[in-house]
Structure formats: C-alpha cells, structure tokens
Amino acid sequence: MQLQEIYKICNEISPFELQESWDNSGVQVGFMAQEIKQIVLSLDIDHELLDSLEENTLLITHHPLIFKPIKIFDVTMYEAGFIQKMIQKNIAMLSLHTNFDKTHLNRYVATEVLGYMIEKEDDFLLTLQSKEEAFEKIYSDVVAKLSLRYPKVVMPTKKIQKIALCTGSGASLLPKVDAELFLTGDIKYHDAMLAKALGIGMIDIGHFESEQFFSAILAKELKNFGIDAIISQSKNPFDYIV
C-alpha cells in the first residue's frame, strides 16, 4: 500500500481535523506516494525501535516526534537523530495524537480498562458514573488496572459521587472538573495546590500508564479495514527505585 491510502484510513478512524491547534498529528516523515511494506504501532519512538524496523516500514505513533520547527538539523539532537535514521531506512512516520485521545483513548481507558460508564464527555474531559465506592477501593482498583507504581495522590475531602478522567497530561482541565475525584497524569505541585483549593481529589494515573493502550486500540481498528499491524510495546522512560 501507499502511505496516502493508510493516511486516509487513519483519518476515517480518527479525523485529523479534531486535533488541537498546537498539535502536529499526521505525516511526520515520508511522502504520500511512498510504498509501505509493513506497519508498526508504538506509543513513542526510540533508537532501539528504529534499529529493529525493516526498510519501507510505516511507524504509527501516538506522540508526534516533531512539534516545533527544527531550525538546525543536528543529528546528535533528539528529533534530528531519529529522522536521519528513518530517512536512511526509508521509514515513514505518522502520528495520531489529540484527535485519537478524543475519539478513542479516553473512552477506552474509562470503559474497557477501568470499567466505568461515561456520563458526560466534554472534549478531552470525561465524567464517569459513580459506583459509590470509598476512595480506598477506587484507588486500589485504579492502581491495579493501570499497573501504577507509587502514584501521587491528592486526598478527596468529599464523598465521591462523580469521577473525572483525562488520559495523558490533563491537569490543566482542573477548573472544568465537575467531580470529587480527577484521574489524570503528570500532576505537578501547583496542580495539587489548585485541586485542594477546589476540593477535588486526584490520582496521578501516569502519562505512559494511561496511554499505553494506544497500539492495541489502533491495531483493532486497522484490522477492520483489512490491515494487519505489528504492535511494538513501548517502554516507560521512568525507573522506580525502592
């Protein structure tokens, strides 16, 4: 297949027009008439993954490699080094980021992983139907189902009747949260301070941990179009020392 055919299918699965203005989903490396021999799916990109890929592979990632213009193509730097290796091996790259968050990833984590029903959906922010469980039970379930290690917590001050969710890094949505508990990743110090001021509890569900399902979700969607893809299991860049 040509890259343009796969691009059109991905656009049907998750329209690129839904991405945020700051995002850069779509073709990162390659050209539309490029012939593709195989498709590999991954949350992110690293040198180990690139070294393992055959020539004429299409790599589809969740996180784009290029967000800002590259003013100096220094191959010792992060993006340029990866791009150099892709060009040498005739590897194309396509990303589905914020559009895929909106159409698939948030819903999948809420319903298929955590087992909640969605009560309301507002762009990236989901409000989930409460199971009227104690915080301790919710916490233990979330930790187990997402394989979290040492998650940061802002303790709730009210009985939990609603839970809000945003995979990845969604703490900036705190002012819009209409729930007693908010599940998202990359919680920072001042996010926690704001949450306390608003009376909202938080569990940091991790950026990697909450988005690790990208490849499996997309592989299933592509299968519906008769396309087989190889899933590459991305690695969490963080290590945890006990």
C-alpha atoms as a PDB file:
ATOM      1  CA  MET A   1       0.000   0.000   0.000  1.00  0.00           C
ATOM      2  CA  GLN A   2       0.975   3.608  -0.374  1.00  0.00           C
ATOM      3  CA  LEU A   3       1.238   5.946   2.594  1.00  0.00           C
ATOM      4  CA  GLN A   4      -1.677   8.038   1.291  1.00  0.00           C
ATOM      5  CA  GLU A   5      -4.030   5.022   1.455  1.00  0.00           C
ATOM      6  CA  ILE A   6      -3.132   4.323   5.066  1.00  0.00           C
ATOM      7  CA  TYR A   7      -3.414   8.019   5.904  1.00  0.00           C
ATOM      8  CA  LYS A   8      -6.982   8.081   4.551  1.00  0.00           C
ATOM      9  CA  ILE A   9      -7.922   5.039   6.626  1.00  0.00           C
ATOM     10  CA  CYS A  10      -6.434   6.583   9.770  1.00  0.00           C
ATOM     11  CA  ASN A  11      -8.394   9.754   9.012  1.00  0.00           C
ATOM     12  CA  GLU A  12     -11.594   7.685   8.885  1.00  0.00           C
ATOM     13  CA  ILE A  13     -10.730   6.041  12.195  1.00  0.00           C
ATOM     14  CA  SER A  14      -9.848   9.315  13.923  1.00  0.00           C
ATOM     15  CA  PRO A  15     -10.219  12.508  11.832  1.00  0.00           C
ATOM     16  CA  PHE A  16      -7.069  14.623  11.894  1.00  0.00           C
ATOM     17  CA  GLU A  17      -9.183  17.785  11.870  1.00  0.00           C
ATOM     18  CA  LEU A  18     -10.084  17.036  15.510  1.00  0.00           C
ATOM     19  CA  GLN A  19      -6.515  17.605  16.715  1.00  0.00           C
ATOM     20  CA  GLU A  20      -5.693  20.638  18.832  1.00  0.00           C
ATOM     21  CA  SER A  21      -4.193  23.717  17.156  1.00  0.00           C
ATOM     22  CA  TRP A  22      -0.845  23.171  18.917  1.00  0.00           C
ATOM     23  CA  ASP A  23      -0.679  19.512  17.906  1.00  0.00           C
ATOM     24  CA  ASN A  24       1.115  18.020  14.888  1.00  0.00           C
ATOM     25  CA  SER A  25      -0.722  14.798  14.130  1.00  0.00           C
ATOM     26  CA  GLY A  26      -0.456  13.407  10.623  1.00  0.00           C
ATOM     27  CA  VAL A  27       2.553  12.544   8.459  1.00  0.00           C
ATOM     28  CA  GLN A  28       5.802  13.323  10.286  1.00  0.00           C
ATOM     29  CA  VAL A  29       8.277  11.712   7.899  1.00  0.00           C
ATOM     30  CA  GLY A  30       7.685  10.427   4.366  1.00  0.00           C
ATOM     31  CA  PHE A  31       5.606  11.304   1.300  1.00  0.00           C
ATOM     32  CA  MET A  32       2.117  10.285   0.267  1.00  0.00           C
ATOM     33  CA  ALA A  33       3.136   8.102  -2.699  1.00  0.00           C
ATOM     34  CA  GLN A  34       5.654   6.172  -0.596  1.00  0.00           C
ATOM     35  CA  GLU A  35       5.274   2.382  -0.803  1.00  0.00           C
ATOM     36  CA  ILE A  36       4.780   0.716   2.570  1.00  0.00           C
ATOM     37  CA  LYS A  37       5.677  -2.919   3.224  1.00  0.00           C
ATOM     38  CA  GLN A  38       4.627  -3.194   6.870  1.00  0.00           C
ATOM     39  CA  ILE A  39       3.067  -1.119   9.646  1.00  0.00           C
ATOM     40  CA  VAL A  40       4.379  -0.948  13.205  1.00  0.00           C
ATOM     41  CA  LEU A  41       2.429   0.738  16.022  1.00  0.00           C
ATOM     42  CA  SER A  42       4.033   2.310  19.075  1.00  0.00           C
ATOM     43  CA  LEU A  43       3.216   4.865  21.741  1.00  0.00           C
ATOM     44  CA  ASP A  44       6.588   6.559  21.250  1.00  0.00           C
ATOM     45  CA  ILE A  45       9.812   6.286  19.275  1.00  0.00           C
ATOM     46  CA  ASP A  46      13.338   5.402  20.388  1.00  0.00           C
ATOM     47  CA  HIS A  47      16.595   4.225  18.801  1.00  0.00           C
ATOM     48  CA  GLU A  48      16.041   0.600  19.797  1.00  0.00           C
ATOM     49  CA  LEU A  49      12.715   0.561  17.978  1.00  0.00           C
ATOM     50  CA  LEU A  50      14.121   2.240  14.864  1.00  0.00           C
ATOM     51  CA  ASP A  51      17.048  -0.186  14.734  1.00  0.00           C
ATOM     52  CA  SER A  52      14.595  -3.109  14.764  1.00  0.00           C
ATOM     53  CA  LEU A  53      12.442  -1.853  11.878  1.00  0.00           C
ATOM     54  CA  GLU A  54      12.788  -3.176   8.354  1.00  0.00           C
ATOM     55  CA  GLU A  55      13.190  -0.791   5.434  1.00  0.00           C
ATOM     56  CA  ASN A  56       9.981   0.673   3.958  1.00  0.00           C
ATOM     57  CA  THR A  57       8.116   0.398   7.257  1.00  0.00           C
ATOM     58  CA  LEU A  58       5.421   2.835   8.326  1.00  0.00           C
ATOM     59  CA  LEU A  59       5.732   3.664  12.019  1.00  0.00           C
ATOM     60  CA  ILE A  60       2.477   4.950  13.513  1.00  0.00           C
ATOM     61  CA  THR A  61       2.886   6.555  16.937  1.00  0.00           C
ATOM     62  CA  HIS A  62       0.609   8.298  19.389  1.00  0.00           C
ATOM     63  CA  HIS A  63       3.049  11.072  20.285  1.00  0.00           C
ATOM     64  CA  PRO A  64       4.372  13.133  17.363  1.00  0.00           C
ATOM     65  CA  LEU A  65       8.142  13.422  17.043  1.00  0.00           C
ATOM     66  CA  ILE A  66       8.017  16.946  15.618  1.00  0.00           C
ATOM     67  CA  PHE A  67       6.073  19.662  17.452  1.00  0.00           C
ATOM     68  CA  LYS A  68       8.114  22.758  16.638  1.00  0.00           C
ATOM     69  CA  PRO A  69      10.157  23.765  13.557  1.00  0.00           C
ATOM     70  CA  ILE A  70      13.662  22.250  13.512  1.00  0.00           C
ATOM     71  CA  LYS A  71      15.956  25.199  12.808  1.00  0.00           C
ATOM     72  CA  ILE A  72      19.240  23.258  12.861  1.00  0.00           C
ATOM     73  CA  PHE A  73      19.354  19.655  11.651  1.00  0.00           C
ATOM     74  CA  ASP A  74      21.918  18.437  14.167  1.00  0.00           C
ATOM     75  CA  VAL A  75      21.746  14.629  14.151  1.00  0.00           C
ATOM     76  CA  THR A  76      23.152  14.467  17.668  1.00  0.00           C
ATOM     77  CA  MET A  77      19.930  16.096  18.878  1.00  0.00           C
ATOM     78  CA  TYR A  78      16.680  14.329  19.793  1.00  0.00           C
ATOM     79  CA  GLU A  79      14.408  14.736  16.759  1.00  0.00           C
ATOM     80  CA  ALA A  80      17.050  15.071  14.031  1.00  0.00           C
ATOM     81  CA  GLY A  81      18.839  11.882  15.058  1.00  0.00           C
ATOM     82  CA  PHE A  82      15.653   9.860  14.736  1.00  0.00           C
ATOM     83  CA  ILE A  83      14.741  11.487  11.414  1.00  0.00           C
ATOM     84  CA  GLN A  84      18.198  10.760   9.983  1.00  0.00           C
ATOM     85  CA  LYS A  85      17.810   7.072  10.820  1.00  0.00           C
ATOM     86  CA  MET A  86      14.313   6.976   9.307  1.00  0.00           C
ATOM     87  CA  ILE A  87      15.499   8.560   6.063  1.00  0.00           C
ATOM     88  CA  GLN A  88      18.401   6.098   5.828  1.00  0.00           C
ATOM     89  CA  LYS A  89      15.996   3.149   6.151  1.00  0.00           C
ATOM     90  CA  ASN A  90      13.170   4.715   4.084  1.00  0.00           C
ATOM     91  CA  ILE A  91      10.875   4.597   7.115  1.00  0.00           C
ATOM     92  CA  ALA A  92       7.747   6.757   7.134  1.00  0.00           C
ATOM     93  CA  MET A  93       6.130   8.067  10.305  1.00  0.00           C
ATOM     94  CA  LEU A  94       2.534   9.009  11.021  1.00  0.00           C
ATOM     95  CA  SER A  95       1.079  10.177  14.359  1.00  0.00           C
ATOM     96  CA  LEU A  96      -2.433  10.202  15.827  1.00  0.00           C
ATOM     97  CA  HIS A  97      -2.331  12.271  18.981  1.00  0.00           C
ATOM     98  CA  THR A  98      -5.003  14.605  20.348  1.00  0.00           C
ATOM     99  CA  ASN A  99      -7.514  13.506  17.717  1.00  0.00           C
ATOM    100  CA  PHE A 100      -7.116   9.897  18.906  1.00  0.00           C
ATOM    101  CA  ASP A 101      -7.417  10.979  22.554  1.00  0.00           C
ATOM    102  CA  LYS A 102     -10.806  12.439  21.747  1.00  0.00           C
ATOM    103  CA  THR A 103     -12.144   9.623  19.577  1.00  0.00           C
ATOM    104  CA  HIS A 104     -10.727   6.530  21.265  1.00  0.00           C
ATOM    105  CA  LEU A 105      -8.166   6.595  24.062  1.00  0.00           C
ATOM    106  CA  ASN A 106     -10.080   8.355  26.838  1.00  0.00           C
ATOM    107  CA  ARG A 107     -13.186   6.276  26.241  1.00  0.00           C
ATOM    108  CA  TYR A 108     -11.246   3.022  26.112  1.00  0.00           C
ATOM    109  CA  VAL A 109      -9.459   3.622  29.408  1.00  0.00           C
ATOM    110  CA  ALA A 110     -12.694   4.713  31.091  1.00  0.00           C
ATOM    111  CA  THR A 111     -14.847   1.800  29.944  1.00  0.00           C
ATOM    112  CA  GLU A 112     -12.606  -1.111  28.937  1.00  0.00           C
ATOM    113  CA  VAL A 113      -9.777  -0.691  31.438  1.00  0.00           C
ATOM    114  CA  LEU A 114     -11.380   0.913  34.482  1.00  0.00           C
ATOM    115  CA  GLY A 115     -14.905  -0.403  33.907  1.00  0.00           C
ATOM    116  CA  TYR A 116     -16.886   2.839  34.253  1.00  0.00           C
ATOM    117  CA  MET A 117     -19.857   4.127  32.279  1.00  0.00           C
ATOM    118  CA  ILE A 118     -19.453   7.569  30.729  1.00  0.00           C
ATOM    119  CA  GLU A 119     -21.967  10.116  31.977  1.00  0.00           C
ATOM    120  CA  LYS A 120     -20.671  13.157  30.105  1.00  0.00           C
ATOM    121  CA  GLU A 121     -17.984  13.894  27.540  1.00  0.00           C
ATOM    122  CA  ASP A 122     -16.527  17.375  27.080  1.00  0.00           C
ATOM    123  CA  ASP A 123     -13.693  17.256  24.563  1.00  0.00           C
ATOM    124  CA  PHE A 124     -10.818  15.591  26.480  1.00  0.00           C
ATOM    125  CA  LEU A 125     -12.646  15.503  29.806  1.00  0.00           C
ATOM    126  CA  LEU A 126     -14.900  12.582  30.698  1.00  0.00           C
ATOM    127  CA  THR A 127     -17.248  12.463  33.677  1.00  0.00           C
ATOM    128  CA  LEU A 128     -17.896   8.904  34.790  1.00  0.00           C
ATOM    129  CA  GLN A 129     -20.871   7.376  36.541  1.00  0.00           C
ATOM    130  CA  SER A 130     -20.041   6.793  40.187  1.00  0.00           C
ATOM    131  CA  LYS A 131     -20.090   3.328  41.710  1.00  0.00           C
ATOM    132  CA  GLU A 132     -20.479   4.986  45.133  1.00  0.00           C
ATOM    133  CA  GLU A 133     -17.321   3.300  46.397  1.00  0.00           C
ATOM    134  CA  ALA A 134     -14.924   4.524  49.060  1.00  0.00           C
ATOM    135  CA  PHE A 135     -11.805   6.302  47.865  1.00  0.00           C
ATOM    136  CA  GLU A 136      -9.596   3.451  49.090  1.00  0.00           C
ATOM    137  CA  LYS A 137     -11.447   0.963  46.868  1.00  0.00           C
ATOM    138  CA  ILE A 138     -11.295   3.263  43.834  1.00  0.00           C
ATOM    139  CA  TYR A 139      -7.597   3.876  44.440  1.00  0.00           C
ATOM    140  CA  SER A 140      -6.707   0.188  44.715  1.00  0.00           C
ATOM    141  CA  ASP A 141      -8.691  -0.651  41.552  1.00  0.00           C
ATOM    142  CA  VAL A 142      -7.088   2.151  39.519  1.00  0.00           C
ATOM    143  CA  VAL A 143      -3.599   1.219  40.698  1.00  0.00           C
ATOM    144  CA  ALA A 144      -4.125  -2.444  39.819  1.00  0.00           C
ATOM    145  CA  LYS A 145      -5.784  -1.921  36.440  1.00  0.00           C
ATOM    146  CA  LEU A 146      -3.217   0.619  35.210  1.00  0.00           C
ATOM    147  CA  SER A 147      -0.210  -1.075  36.864  1.00  0.00           C
ATOM    148  CA  LEU A 148       0.741   2.125  38.670  1.00  0.00           C
ATOM    149  CA  ARG A 149       3.789   2.340  40.905  1.00  0.00           C
ATOM    150  CA  TYR A 150       3.838   4.931  43.702  1.00  0.00           C
ATOM    151  CA  PRO A 151       1.173   7.240  42.235  1.00  0.00           C
ATOM    152  CA  LYS A 152       0.827  10.739  43.644  1.00  0.00           C
ATOM    153  CA  VAL A 153      -2.485  11.426  45.354  1.00  0.00           C
ATOM    154  CA  VAL A 154      -4.449  14.471  46.458  1.00  0.00           C
ATOM    155  CA  MET A 155      -6.890  13.127  49.020  1.00  0.00           C
ATOM    156  CA  PRO A 156     -10.555  13.982  48.368  1.00  0.00           C
ATOM    157  CA  THR A 157     -12.380  15.961  51.021  1.00  0.00           C
ATOM    158  CA  LYS A 158     -15.906  14.958  49.963  1.00  0.00           C
ATOM    159  CA  LYS A 159     -17.815  11.753  49.336  1.00  0.00           C
ATOM    160  CA  ILE A 160     -17.059  10.632  45.796  1.00  0.00           C
ATOM    161  CA  GLN A 161     -20.184  10.830  43.663  1.00  0.00           C
ATOM    162  CA  LYS A 162     -18.519  11.577  40.327  1.00  0.00           C
ATOM    163  CA  ILE A 163     -15.128  10.818  38.816  1.00  0.00           C
ATOM    164  CA  ALA A 164     -13.487  12.787  36.014  1.00  0.00           C
ATOM    165  CA  LEU A 165     -10.863  11.328  33.674  1.00  0.00           C
ATOM    166  CA  CYS A 166      -8.337  12.567  31.131  1.00  0.00           C
ATOM    167  CA  THR A 167      -5.552  10.293  29.957  1.00  0.00           C
ATOM    168  CA  GLY A 168      -2.060  11.662  29.431  1.00  0.00           C
ATOM    169  CA  SER A 169      -1.483  15.097  30.906  1.00  0.00           C
ATOM    170  CA  GLY A 170      -4.804  16.744  31.776  1.00  0.00           C
ATOM    171  CA  ALA A 171      -4.274  18.724  34.974  1.00  0.00           C
ATOM    172  CA  SER A 172      -4.865  21.994  33.094  1.00  0.00           C
ATOM    173  CA  LEU A 173      -8.525  20.918  32.895  1.00  0.00           C
ATOM    174  CA  LEU A 174      -8.966  21.128  36.675  1.00  0.00           C
ATOM    175  CA  PRO A 175     -11.123  24.306  36.549  1.00  0.00           C
ATOM    176  CA  LYS A 176     -13.599  22.429  34.302  1.00  0.00           C
ATOM    177  CA  VAL A 177     -13.851  19.328  36.501  1.00  0.00           C
ATOM    178  CA  ASP A 178     -17.310  18.703  37.954  1.00  0.00           C
ATOM    179  CA  ALA A 179     -16.434  15.746  40.153  1.00  0.00           C
ATOM    180  CA  GLU A 180     -14.997  14.895  43.542  1.00  0.00           C
ATOM    181  CA  LEU A 181     -12.104  12.898  42.076  1.00  0.00           C
ATOM    182  CA  PHE A 182      -9.997  13.538  38.967  1.00  0.00           C
ATOM    183  CA  LEU A 183      -7.851  10.858  37.313  1.00  0.00           C
ATOM    184  CA  THR A 184      -5.075  12.168  35.064  1.00  0.00           C
ATOM    185  CA  GLY A 185      -1.306  12.060  34.612  1.00  0.00           C
ATOM    186  CA  ASP A 186       1.662  14.399  35.083  1.00  0.00           C
ATOM    187  CA  ILE A 187       0.234  16.115  38.181  1.00  0.00           C
ATOM    188  CA  LYS A 188       2.543  18.912  39.337  1.00  0.00           C
ATOM    189  CA  TYR A 189       2.868  20.706  42.670  1.00  0.00           C
ATOM    190  CA  HIS A 190       0.694  23.685  41.762  1.00  0.00           C
ATOM    191  CA  ASP A 191      -1.908  21.376  40.204  1.00  0.00           C
ATOM    192  CA  ALA A 192      -2.196  19.693  43.600  1.00  0.00           C
ATOM    193  CA  MET A 193      -2.485  23.068  45.332  1.00  0.00           C
ATOM    194  CA  LEU A 194      -5.310  24.094  42.988  1.00  0.00           C
ATOM    195  CA  ALA A 195      -7.069  20.773  43.462  1.00  0.00           C
ATOM    196  CA  LYS A 196      -7.012  21.230  47.232  1.00  0.00           C
ATOM    197  CA  ALA A 197      -8.389  24.744  46.874  1.00  0.00           C
ATOM    198  CA  LEU A 198     -11.199  23.419  44.672  1.00  0.00           C
ATOM    199  CA  GLY A 199     -11.914  20.491  46.984  1.00  0.00           C
ATOM    200  CA  ILE A 200     -11.107  17.930  44.276  1.00  0.00           C
ATOM    201  CA  GLY A 201      -9.162  14.747  44.950  1.00  0.00           C
ATOM    202  CA  MET A 202      -6.654  13.499  42.368  1.00  0.00           C
ATOM    203  CA  ILE A 203      -4.840  10.304  41.470  1.00  0.00           C
ATOM    204  CA  ASP A 204      -1.878  10.600  39.116  1.00  0.00           C
ATOM    205  CA  ILE A 205      -2.531   7.777  36.653  1.00  0.00           C
ATOM    206  CA  GLY A 206       0.707   8.415  34.769  1.00  0.00           C
ATOM    207  CA  HIS A 207       1.263   9.615  31.229  1.00  0.00           C
ATOM    208  CA  PHE A 208       2.706   6.358  29.938  1.00  0.00           C
ATOM    209  CA  GLU A 209       0.447   4.152  32.050  1.00  0.00           C
ATOM    210  CA  SER A 210      -2.783   5.817  30.931  1.00  0.00           C
ATOM    211  CA  GLU A 211      -1.820   5.887  27.238  1.00  0.00           C
ATOM    212  CA  GLN A 212      -0.086   2.507  26.914  1.00  0.00           C
ATOM    213  CA  PHE A 213      -3.173   1.046  25.199  1.00  0.00           C
ATOM    214  CA  PHE A 214      -2.801   3.156  22.025  1.00  0.00           C
ATOM    215  CA  SER A 215      -1.240   0.479  19.844  1.00  0.00           C
ATOM    216  CA  ALA A 216      -3.703  -2.255  20.784  1.00  0.00           C
ATOM    217  CA  ILE A 217      -6.688   0.022  20.131  1.00  0.00           C
ATOM    218  CA  LEU A 218      -5.405   1.178  16.743  1.00  0.00           C
ATOM    219  CA  ALA A 219      -4.409  -2.357  15.696  1.00  0.00           C
ATOM    220  CA  LYS A 220      -8.001  -3.484  16.222  1.00  0.00           C
ATOM    221  CA  GLU A 221      -9.365  -0.534  14.237  1.00  0.00           C
ATOM    222  CA  LEU A 222      -6.965  -1.157  11.340  1.00  0.00           C
ATOM    223  CA  LYS A 223      -7.962  -4.820  11.334  1.00  0.00           C
ATOM    224  CA  ASN A 224     -11.499  -3.709  10.494  1.00  0.00           C
ATOM    225  CA  PHE A 225     -10.056  -2.274   7.256  1.00  0.00           C
ATOM    226  CA  GLY A 226      -8.182  -5.483   6.465  1.00  0.00           C
ATOM    227  CA  ILE A 227      -4.820  -4.119   7.607  1.00  0.00           C
ATOM    228  CA  ASP A 228      -2.529  -6.129   9.869  1.00  0.00           C
ATOM    229  CA  ALA A 229      -0.127  -4.128  12.010  1.00  0.00           C
ATOM    230  CA  ILE A 230       2.697  -5.127  14.334  1.00  0.00           C
ATOM    231  CA  ILE A 231       2.444  -3.866  17.913  1.00  0.00           C
ATOM    232  CA  SER A 232       5.685  -2.635  19.463  1.00  0.00           C
ATOM    233  CA  GLN A 233       5.473  -2.418  23.241  1.00  0.00           C
ATOM    234  CA  SER A 234       6.819   0.983  24.271  1.00  0.00           C
ATOM    235  CA  LYS A 235       8.813   1.233  27.479  1.00  0.00           C
ATOM    236  CA  ASN A 236       8.120   3.643  30.312  1.00  0.00           C
ATOM    237  CA  PRO A 237      11.030   6.135  30.343  1.00  0.00           C
ATOM    238  CA  PHE A 238      10.856   6.317  34.141  1.00  0.00           C
ATOM    239  CA  ASP A 239      12.563   3.883  36.517  1.00  0.00           C
ATOM    240  CA  TYR A 240      11.424   3.408  40.102  1.00  0.00           C
ATOM    241  CA  ILE A 241      13.938   2.723  42.866  1.00  0.00           C
ATOM    242  CA  VAL A 242      12.533   1.125  46.009  1.00  0.00           C
END
